[in-house]
Amino acid sequence: MKIQYASDLHLEFADNWRFLKENPLQVTGDILILAGDIGYLGGENYSKHPFWDWASENYQQVIACMGNHEFYKYYDIAKLNDGYCLEIRPNVHSYYNAVVHIGDTDLFITTLWSKIPLKEAYYTEQVISDFRRIIFNGDLLTFADFNREHERCLSFLKDAVSCSKARRKIVVTHHVPSFQMQCPKFADSQANGAFTVELEEYIKNSGIDYWIFGHSHYNVDVKIGNTNCVSNQLGYVFHGEHESFNPGKYIEV
């Protein structure tokens, strides 16, 4: 089975959609995985976007992970239950903390919010849009809420992986699971906690075959233990972040 993957298509921006219309994904997989930041869930046009029609017609199944931008229309993420599934088309679904079984392969889908250190919390809340665009229990998201969702997502992931009997295990997260995959130009940023969390030791001992991630707009593939950590992010076309995007990147299991 060939599993194609991409993330950070950011269809909410006209430049990105224009680019994808002119340079569509090259269909190389049976399944398409989208690791978050496809568009705004709160926008009424999200499920109506023509990209989903194209994806539905070209893949047997499309599996999307919700990224932080999915919630930028003041979506209250406290209302999301584990296992939440949004049907976009009959064969296109977006998930929050869910396991999808395909043959002898389990896919573990979670946003996996990263973790913000207390010493960086004030700065991070000032510079990251999540804290002005996302709701938690009726109020604007705080770093403490963000970290609580991290713990919830990580607990879900660890429990689900440990219970899996599948021959192949593939994790799909939006946030970056190790600083080994951090964009070098942001190495000294005090807002890194909003992008990356260090799970290297967990990954080494997890038995996970592939870990697909996004969020950073920096494409890099790293092997941690026996786990291949891979990304294929379009990023913001208007900032030239799309140059390393591969329209046909896939794995075979």
C-alpha atoms as a PDB file:
ATOM      1  CA  MET A   1       0.000   0.000   0.000  1.00  0.00           C
ATOM      2  CA  LYS A   2       1.299   3.423  -0.982  1.00  0.00           C
ATOM      3  CA  ILE A   3       0.527   6.273   1.400  1.00  0.00           C
ATOM      4  CA  GLN A   4       1.069   9.760   0.018  1.00  0.00           C
ATOM      5  CA  TYR A   5       1.457  12.587   2.498  1.00  0.00           C
ATOM      6  CA  ALA A   6       1.513  16.371   2.696  1.00  0.00           C
ATOM      7  CA  SER A   7       0.644  19.120   5.158  1.00  0.00           C
ATOM      8  CA  ASP A   8       0.324  22.851   5.623  1.00  0.00           C
ATOM      9  CA  LEU A   9      -1.487  23.394   2.343  1.00  0.00           C
ATOM     10  CA  HIS A  10      -3.114  26.489   3.903  1.00  0.00           C
ATOM     11  CA  LEU A  11      -6.021  26.662   1.505  1.00  0.00           C
ATOM     12  CA  GLU A  12      -7.301  29.686   3.430  1.00  0.00           C
ATOM     13  CA  PHE A  13      -4.775  31.739   1.444  1.00  0.00           C
ATOM     14  CA  ALA A  14      -5.514  32.505  -2.208  1.00  0.00           C
ATOM     15  CA  ASP A  15      -1.836  32.239  -3.191  1.00  0.00           C
ATOM     16  CA  ASN A  16      -1.649  28.692  -1.884  1.00  0.00           C
ATOM     17  CA  TRP A  17      -4.821  27.554  -3.630  1.00  0.00           C
ATOM     18  CA  ARG A  18      -3.700  29.201  -6.857  1.00  0.00           C
ATOM     19  CA  PHE A  19      -0.373  27.365  -6.619  1.00  0.00           C
ATOM     20  CA  LEU A  20      -2.067  24.008  -6.031  1.00  0.00           C
ATOM     21  CA  LYS A  21      -4.416  24.521  -8.961  1.00  0.00           C
ATOM     22  CA  GLU A  22      -1.454  25.239 -11.206  1.00  0.00           C
ATOM     23  CA  ASN A  23       0.734  22.563  -9.588  1.00  0.00           C
ATOM     24  CA  PRO A  24      -1.618  19.840  -8.311  1.00  0.00           C
ATOM     25  CA  LEU A  25      -0.492  16.951  -6.171  1.00  0.00           C
ATOM     26  CA  GLN A  26       0.908  14.104  -8.255  1.00  0.00           C
ATOM     27  CA  VAL A  27      -1.214  11.105  -7.346  1.00  0.00           C
ATOM     28  CA  THR A  28       1.281   8.475  -6.212  1.00  0.00           C
ATOM     29  CA  GLY A  29      -0.623   6.838  -3.359  1.00  0.00           C
ATOM     30  CA  ASP A  30      -3.770   4.881  -2.664  1.00  0.00           C
ATOM     31  CA  ILE A  31      -4.229   6.864   0.549  1.00  0.00           C
ATOM     32  CA  LEU A  32      -3.560  10.578   1.108  1.00  0.00           C
ATOM     33  CA  ILE A  33      -2.502  11.713   4.579  1.00  0.00           C
ATOM     34  CA  LEU A  34      -2.739  15.422   5.402  1.00  0.00           C
ATOM     35  CA  ALA A  35      -0.893  16.364   8.595  1.00  0.00           C
ATOM     36  CA  GLY A  36      -2.805  19.525   9.429  1.00  0.00           C
ATOM     37  CA  ASP A  37      -3.211  23.186   8.504  1.00  0.00           C
ATOM     38  CA  ILE A  38      -5.348  22.618   5.445  1.00  0.00           C
ATOM     39  CA  GLY A  39      -7.835  25.404   6.213  1.00  0.00           C
ATOM     40  CA  TYR A  40     -10.100  26.954   8.853  1.00  0.00           C
ATOM     41  CA  LEU A  41     -12.643  24.504  10.299  1.00  0.00           C
ATOM     42  CA  GLY A  42     -14.837  27.346  11.498  1.00  0.00           C
ATOM     43  CA  GLY A  43     -15.232  28.748   8.009  1.00  0.00           C
ATOM     44  CA  GLU A  44     -18.412  27.636   6.233  1.00  0.00           C
ATOM     45  CA  ASN A  45     -16.421  27.121   3.049  1.00  0.00           C
ATOM     46  CA  TYR A  46     -13.991  24.623   4.609  1.00  0.00           C
ATOM     47  CA  SER A  47     -15.889  21.470   3.656  1.00  0.00           C
ATOM     48  CA  LYS A  48     -17.080  23.085   0.414  1.00  0.00           C
ATOM     49  CA  HIS A  49     -13.564  23.780  -0.853  1.00  0.00           C
ATOM     50  CA  PRO A  50     -13.034  22.259  -4.325  1.00  0.00           C
ATOM     51  CA  PHE A  51      -9.748  20.703  -3.190  1.00  0.00           C
ATOM     52  CA  TRP A  52     -11.741  18.081  -1.304  1.00  0.00           C
ATOM     53  CA  ASP A  53     -13.656  17.112  -4.447  1.00  0.00           C
ATOM     54  CA  TRP A  54     -10.376  16.643  -6.282  1.00  0.00           C
ATOM     55  CA  ALA A  55      -8.858  14.632  -3.418  1.00  0.00           C
ATOM     56  CA  SER A  56     -11.966  12.469  -3.058  1.00  0.00           C
ATOM     57  CA  GLU A  57     -11.902  11.615  -6.750  1.00  0.00           C
ATOM     58  CA  ASN A  58      -8.188  10.807  -6.869  1.00  0.00           C
ATOM     59  CA  TYR A  59      -7.608   8.755  -3.699  1.00  0.00           C
ATOM     60  CA  GLN A  60      -9.310   5.737  -2.188  1.00  0.00           C
ATOM     61  CA  GLN A  61      -9.215   7.454   1.189  1.00  0.00           C
ATOM     62  CA  VAL A  62      -8.091  10.850   2.524  1.00  0.00           C
ATOM     63  CA  ILE A  63      -7.158  11.099   6.203  1.00  0.00           C
ATOM     64  CA  ALA A  64      -6.535  14.550   7.686  1.00  0.00           C
ATOM     65  CA  CYS A  65      -5.124  15.527  11.056  1.00  0.00           C
ATOM     66  CA  MET A  66      -6.344  18.799  12.529  1.00  0.00           C
ATOM     67  CA  GLY A  67      -3.614  21.424  12.864  1.00  0.00           C
ATOM     68  CA  ASN A  68      -3.680  24.625  14.885  1.00  0.00           C
ATOM     69  CA  HIS A  69      -4.896  26.672  11.905  1.00  0.00           C
ATOM     70  CA  GLU A  70      -7.961  24.464  11.610  1.00  0.00           C
ATOM     71  CA  PHE A  71      -9.158  26.225  14.771  1.00  0.00           C
ATOM     72  CA  TYR A  72      -8.400  29.828  13.772  1.00  0.00           C
ATOM     73  CA  LYS A  73     -12.059  30.812  13.343  1.00  0.00           C
ATOM     74  CA  TYR A  74     -12.362  30.922  17.148  1.00  0.00           C
ATOM     75  CA  TYR A  75     -13.061  27.204  17.407  1.00  0.00           C
ATOM     76  CA  ASP A  76     -13.448  25.937  20.976  1.00  0.00           C
ATOM     77  CA  ILE A  77     -11.058  22.991  21.118  1.00  0.00           C
ATOM     78  CA  ALA A  78     -12.260  21.994  24.600  1.00  0.00           C
ATOM     79  CA  LYS A  79     -15.368  20.643  22.860  1.00  0.00           C
ATOM     80  CA  LEU A  80     -13.359  18.112  20.847  1.00  0.00           C
ATOM     81  CA  ASN A  81     -13.743  14.590  22.149  1.00  0.00           C
ATOM     82  CA  ASP A  82     -11.130  11.919  21.570  1.00  0.00           C
ATOM     83  CA  GLY A  83     -12.054  10.072  18.410  1.00  0.00           C
ATOM     84  CA  TYR A  84     -13.748  13.123  16.861  1.00  0.00           C
ATOM     85  CA  CYS A  85     -14.240  12.637  13.127  1.00  0.00           C
ATOM     86  CA  LEU A  86     -15.471  15.214  10.627  1.00  0.00           C
ATOM     87  CA  GLU A  87     -16.775  13.722   7.390  1.00  0.00           C
ATOM     88  CA  ILE A  88     -15.834  16.062   4.549  1.00  0.00           C
ATOM     89  CA  ARG A  89     -16.653  13.615   1.753  1.00  0.00           C
ATOM     90  CA  PRO A  90     -17.637   9.935   2.073  1.00  0.00           C
ATOM     91  CA  ASN A  91     -13.964   8.951   1.714  1.00  0.00           C
ATOM     92  CA  VAL A  92     -12.448  12.125   3.219  1.00  0.00           C
ATOM     93  CA  HIS A  93     -12.298  12.596   6.996  1.00  0.00           C
ATOM     94  CA  SER A  94     -10.524  14.865   9.476  1.00  0.00           C
ATOM     95  CA  TYR A  95      -9.696  13.520  12.943  1.00  0.00           C
ATOM     96  CA  TYR A  96      -8.756  14.585  16.457  1.00  0.00           C
ATOM     97  CA  ASN A  97      -7.117  11.922  18.644  1.00  0.00           C
ATOM     98  CA  ALA A  98      -8.266   8.933  16.626  1.00  0.00           C
ATOM     99  CA  VAL A  99      -7.002   5.603  15.332  1.00  0.00           C
ATOM    100  CA  VAL A 100      -7.722   4.589  11.741  1.00  0.00           C
ATOM    101  CA  HIS A 101      -7.298   0.922  10.823  1.00  0.00           C
ATOM    102  CA  ILE A 102      -6.364   0.065   7.238  1.00  0.00           C
ATOM    103  CA  GLY A 103      -5.595  -3.593   6.724  1.00  0.00           C
ATOM    104  CA  ASP A 104      -2.613  -4.527   8.881  1.00  0.00           C
ATOM    105  CA  THR A 105      -1.689  -0.865   9.452  1.00  0.00           C
ATOM    106  CA  ASP A 106      -2.838   1.425  12.254  1.00  0.00           C
ATOM    107  CA  LEU A 107      -2.699   5.192  11.806  1.00  0.00           C
ATOM    108  CA  PHE A 108      -2.682   7.290  14.972  1.00  0.00           C
ATOM    109  CA  ILE A 109      -3.994  10.786  14.271  1.00  0.00           C
ATOM    110  CA  THR A 110      -3.419  13.572  16.797  1.00  0.00           C
ATOM    111  CA  THR A 111      -2.662  17.288  16.655  1.00  0.00           C
ATOM    112  CA  LEU A 112      -0.113  16.657  19.444  1.00  0.00           C
ATOM    113  CA  TRP A 113       0.088  20.239  20.658  1.00  0.00           C
ATOM    114  CA  SER A 114       3.665  20.833  21.744  1.00  0.00           C
ATOM    115  CA  LYS A 115       4.650  22.029  25.231  1.00  0.00           C
ATOM    116  CA  ILE A 116       5.495  25.594  26.201  1.00  0.00           C
ATOM    117  CA  PRO A 117       8.047  26.064  29.007  1.00  0.00           C
ATOM    118  CA  LEU A 118       6.885  28.422  31.746  1.00  0.00           C
ATOM    119  CA  LYS A 119       9.837  30.763  31.188  1.00  0.00           C
ATOM    120  CA  GLU A 120       8.773  31.219  27.541  1.00  0.00           C
ATOM    121  CA  ALA A 121       5.024  31.392  28.169  1.00  0.00           C
ATOM    122  CA  TYR A 122       4.536  35.171  28.256  1.00  0.00           C
ATOM    123  CA  TYR A 123       6.581  35.792  25.107  1.00  0.00           C
ATOM    124  CA  THR A 124       4.927  32.915  23.266  1.00  0.00           C
ATOM    125  CA  GLU A 125       1.430  34.164  24.061  1.00  0.00           C
ATOM    126  CA  GLN A 126       2.382  37.598  22.698  1.00  0.00           C
ATOM    127  CA  VAL A 127       3.794  36.446  19.354  1.00  0.00           C
ATOM    128  CA  ILE A 128       1.846  33.289  18.413  1.00  0.00           C
ATOM    129  CA  SER A 129      -1.575  33.768  16.814  1.00  0.00           C
ATOM    130  CA  ASP A 130      -3.027  30.647  18.464  1.00  0.00           C
ATOM    131  CA  PHE A 131      -3.631  32.729  21.586  1.00  0.00           C
ATOM    132  CA  ARG A 132      -5.684  35.307  19.682  1.00  0.00           C
ATOM    133  CA  ARG A 133      -7.555  32.958  17.342  1.00  0.00           C
ATOM    134  CA  ILE A 134      -8.397  29.771  19.289  1.00  0.00           C
ATOM    135  CA  ILE A 135     -10.940  29.317  22.089  1.00  0.00           C
ATOM    136  CA  PHE A 136     -10.751  26.970  25.075  1.00  0.00           C
ATOM    137  CA  ASN A 137     -13.832  26.569  27.284  1.00  0.00           C
ATOM    138  CA  GLY A 138     -15.307  29.829  26.053  1.00  0.00           C
ATOM    139  CA  ASP A 139     -12.192  31.993  26.525  1.00  0.00           C
ATOM    140  CA  LEU A 140      -9.114  32.671  24.453  1.00  0.00           C
ATOM    141  CA  LEU A 141      -6.570  29.868  24.596  1.00  0.00           C
ATOM    142  CA  THR A 142      -3.772  30.282  27.169  1.00  0.00           C
ATOM    143  CA  PHE A 143      -0.400  28.578  27.380  1.00  0.00           C
ATOM    144  CA  ALA A 144      -1.756  26.474  30.263  1.00  0.00           C
ATOM    145  CA  ASP A 145      -4.653  25.282  28.072  1.00  0.00           C
ATOM    146  CA  PHE A 146      -2.187  24.604  25.264  1.00  0.00           C
ATOM    147  CA  ASN A 147      -0.052  22.470  27.580  1.00  0.00           C
ATOM    148  CA  ARG A 148      -3.094  20.612  28.895  1.00  0.00           C
ATOM    149  CA  GLU A 149      -4.025  19.669  25.350  1.00  0.00           C
ATOM    150  CA  HIS A 150      -0.448  18.498  24.832  1.00  0.00           C
ATOM    151  CA  GLU A 151      -0.750  16.141  27.785  1.00  0.00           C
ATOM    152  CA  ARG A 152      -4.121  14.918  26.571  1.00  0.00           C
ATOM    153  CA  CYS A 153      -2.854  14.239  23.044  1.00  0.00           C
ATOM    154  CA  LEU A 154       0.329  12.563  24.244  1.00  0.00           C
ATOM    155  CA  SER A 155      -1.589  10.354  26.668  1.00  0.00           C
ATOM    156  CA  PHE A 156      -3.981   9.343  23.893  1.00  0.00           C
ATOM    157  CA  LEU A 157      -1.090   8.553  21.563  1.00  0.00           C
ATOM    158  CA  LYS A 158       0.904   6.489  24.033  1.00  0.00           C
ATOM    159  CA  ASP A 159      -2.145   4.485  25.085  1.00  0.00           C
ATOM    160  CA  ALA A 160      -3.286   3.865  21.518  1.00  0.00           C
ATOM    161  CA  VAL A 161       0.152   2.801  20.278  1.00  0.00           C
ATOM    162  CA  SER A 162       0.727   0.490  23.234  1.00  0.00           C
ATOM    163  CA  CYS A 163      -2.638  -1.225  22.638  1.00  0.00           C
ATOM    164  CA  SER A 164      -2.139  -1.671  18.902  1.00  0.00           C
ATOM    165  CA  LYS A 165      -1.566  -5.147  17.476  1.00  0.00           C
ATOM    166  CA  ALA A 166      -1.031  -3.871  13.932  1.00  0.00           C
ATOM    167  CA  ARG A 167       1.957  -5.008  11.908  1.00  0.00           C
ATOM    168  CA  ARG A 168       2.664  -1.434  10.824  1.00  0.00           C
ATOM    169  CA  LYS A 169       2.208   1.685  12.959  1.00  0.00           C
ATOM    170  CA  ILE A 170       2.103   5.180  11.485  1.00  0.00           C
ATOM    171  CA  VAL A 171       1.706   8.301  13.621  1.00  0.00           C
ATOM    172  CA  VAL A 172       0.358  11.503  12.081  1.00  0.00           C
ATOM    173  CA  THR A 173       0.786  14.688  14.110  1.00  0.00           C
ATOM    174  CA  HIS A 174       0.691  18.337  13.202  1.00  0.00           C
ATOM    175  CA  HIS A 175       3.288  19.562  15.684  1.00  0.00           C
ATOM    176  CA  VAL A 176       6.940  18.519  15.496  1.00  0.00           C
ATOM    177  CA  PRO A 177       7.884  15.627  17.830  1.00  0.00           C
ATOM    178  CA  SER A 178      11.609  16.320  18.254  1.00  0.00           C
ATOM    179  CA  PHE A 179      14.038  19.222  18.084  1.00  0.00           C
ATOM    180  CA  GLN A 180      16.060  17.081  15.683  1.00  0.00           C
ATOM    181  CA  MET A 181      13.570  18.276  13.051  1.00  0.00           C
ATOM    182  CA  GLN A 182      13.598  21.937  14.084  1.00  0.00           C
ATOM    183  CA  CYS A 183      14.209  24.621  11.490  1.00  0.00           C
ATOM    184  CA  PRO A 184      17.790  25.826  12.136  1.00  0.00           C
ATOM    185  CA  LYS A 185      16.966  29.505  11.650  1.00  0.00           C
ATOM    186  CA  PHE A 186      14.655  29.369  14.680  1.00  0.00           C
ATOM    187  CA  ALA A 187      17.062  27.480  16.930  1.00  0.00           C
ATOM    188  CA  ASP A 188      17.248  30.380  19.396  1.00  0.00           C
ATOM    189  CA  SER A 189      13.592  31.408  19.293  1.00  0.00           C
ATOM    190  CA  GLN A 190      11.792  31.768  22.611  1.00  0.00           C
ATOM    191  CA  ALA A 191       8.579  30.583  20.938  1.00  0.00           C
ATOM    192  CA  ASN A 192       9.806  27.119  19.957  1.00  0.00           C
ATOM    193  CA  GLY A 193       7.545  25.538  22.551  1.00  0.00           C
ATOM    194  CA  ALA A 194       4.573  26.370  20.343  1.00  0.00           C
ATOM    195  CA  PHE A 195       6.028  24.300  17.521  1.00  0.00           C
ATOM    196  CA  THR A 196       8.141  21.434  18.832  1.00  0.00           C
ATOM    197  CA  VAL A 197       8.220  19.024  21.762  1.00  0.00           C
ATOM    198  CA  GLU A 198      11.080  16.658  22.554  1.00  0.00           C
ATOM    199  CA  LEU A 199       9.849  13.068  22.363  1.00  0.00           C
ATOM    200  CA  GLU A 200      13.082  11.479  21.157  1.00  0.00           C
ATOM    201  CA  GLU A 201      13.280   8.853  23.914  1.00  0.00           C
ATOM    202  CA  TYR A 202       9.647   7.874  23.466  1.00  0.00           C
ATOM    203  CA  ILE A 203      10.056   7.568  19.703  1.00  0.00           C
ATOM    204  CA  LYS A 204      13.153   5.373  20.054  1.00  0.00           C
ATOM    205  CA  ASN A 205      11.248   2.829  22.124  1.00  0.00           C
ATOM    206  CA  SER A 206       7.805   3.150  20.537  1.00  0.00           C
ATOM    207  CA  GLY A 207       7.849   0.569  17.762  1.00  0.00           C
ATOM    208  CA  ILE A 208       6.390   3.196  15.423  1.00  0.00           C
ATOM    209  CA  ASP A 209       7.395   2.710  11.781  1.00  0.00           C
ATOM    210  CA  TYR A 210       6.675   6.197  10.427  1.00  0.00           C
ATOM    211  CA  TRP A 211       5.891   9.534  12.048  1.00  0.00           C
ATOM    212  CA  ILE A 212       4.449  12.139   9.684  1.00  0.00           C
ATOM    213  CA  PHE A 213       4.470  15.739  10.977  1.00  0.00           C
ATOM    214  CA  GLY A 214       4.051  19.330   9.801  1.00  0.00           C
ATOM    215  CA  HIS A 215       3.613  22.803  11.342  1.00  0.00           C
ATOM    216  CA  SER A 216       7.172  24.158  11.050  1.00  0.00           C
ATOM    217  CA  HIS A 217       7.114  24.859   7.292  1.00  0.00           C
ATOM    218  CA  TYR A 218      10.550  23.204   7.239  1.00  0.00           C
ATOM    219  CA  ASN A 219      10.871  19.896   5.431  1.00  0.00           C
ATOM    220  CA  VAL A 220      13.303  17.389   6.849  1.00  0.00           C
ATOM    221  CA  ASP A 221      13.356  13.606   7.241  1.00  0.00           C
ATOM    222  CA  VAL A 222      15.118  12.131  10.277  1.00  0.00           C
ATOM    223  CA  LYS A 223      15.395   8.577  11.572  1.00  0.00           C
ATOM    224  CA  ILE A 224      15.063   8.265  15.348  1.00  0.00           C
ATOM    225  CA  GLY A 225      15.726   4.724  16.466  1.00  0.00           C
ATOM    226  CA  ASN A 226      13.782   2.617  13.983  1.00  0.00           C
ATOM    227  CA  THR A 227      11.179   5.317  13.331  1.00  0.00           C
ATOM    228  CA  ASN A 228      11.282   7.356  10.123  1.00  0.00           C
ATOM    229  CA  CYS A 229      10.123  10.903  10.929  1.00  0.00           C
ATOM    230  CA  VAL A 230       9.046  12.551   7.677  1.00  0.00           C
ATOM    231  CA  SER A 231       7.425  15.768   6.520  1.00  0.00           C
ATOM    232  CA  ASN A 232       6.181  17.317   3.297  1.00  0.00           C
ATOM    233  CA  GLN A 233       4.898  20.801   4.048  1.00  0.00           C
ATOM    234  CA  LEU A 234       3.778  23.301   1.442  1.00  0.00           C
ATOM    235  CA  GLY A 235       3.955  26.299   3.770  1.00  0.00           C
ATOM    236  CA  TYR A 236       3.212  29.872   2.751  1.00  0.00           C
ATOM    237  CA  VAL A 237       3.675  30.274  -0.985  1.00  0.00           C
ATOM    238  CA  PHE A 238       3.828  34.067  -0.612  1.00  0.00           C
ATOM    239  CA  HIS A 239       6.920  33.607   1.600  1.00  0.00           C
ATOM    240  CA  GLY A 240       8.569  31.148  -0.790  1.00  0.00           C
ATOM    241  CA  GLU A 241       8.273  28.292   1.709  1.00  0.00           C
ATOM    242  CA  HIS A 242       6.957  25.891  -0.932  1.00  0.00           C
ATOM    243  CA  GLU A 243      10.243  25.314  -2.739  1.00  0.00           C
ATOM    244  CA  SER A 244      11.073  22.057  -0.925  1.00  0.00           C
ATOM    245  CA  PHE A 245       7.533  20.674  -1.221  1.00  0.00           C
ATOM    246  CA  ASN A 246       7.261  17.365  -3.079  1.00  0.00           C
ATOM    247  CA  PRO A 247       3.876  16.998  -4.816  1.00  0.00           C
ATOM    248  CA  GLY A 248       4.181  13.214  -4.962  1.00  0.00           C
ATOM    249  CA  LYS A 249       5.964  12.186  -1.763  1.00  0.00           C
ATOM    250  CA  TYR A 250       4.856   8.824  -0.392  1.00  0.00           C
ATOM    251  CA  ILE A 251       5.801   5.851   1.749  1.00  0.00           C
ATOM    252  CA  GLU A 252       5.072   2.214   1.009  1.00  0.00           C
ATOM    253  CA  VAL A 253       3.979  -0.239   3.682  1.00  0.00           C
END
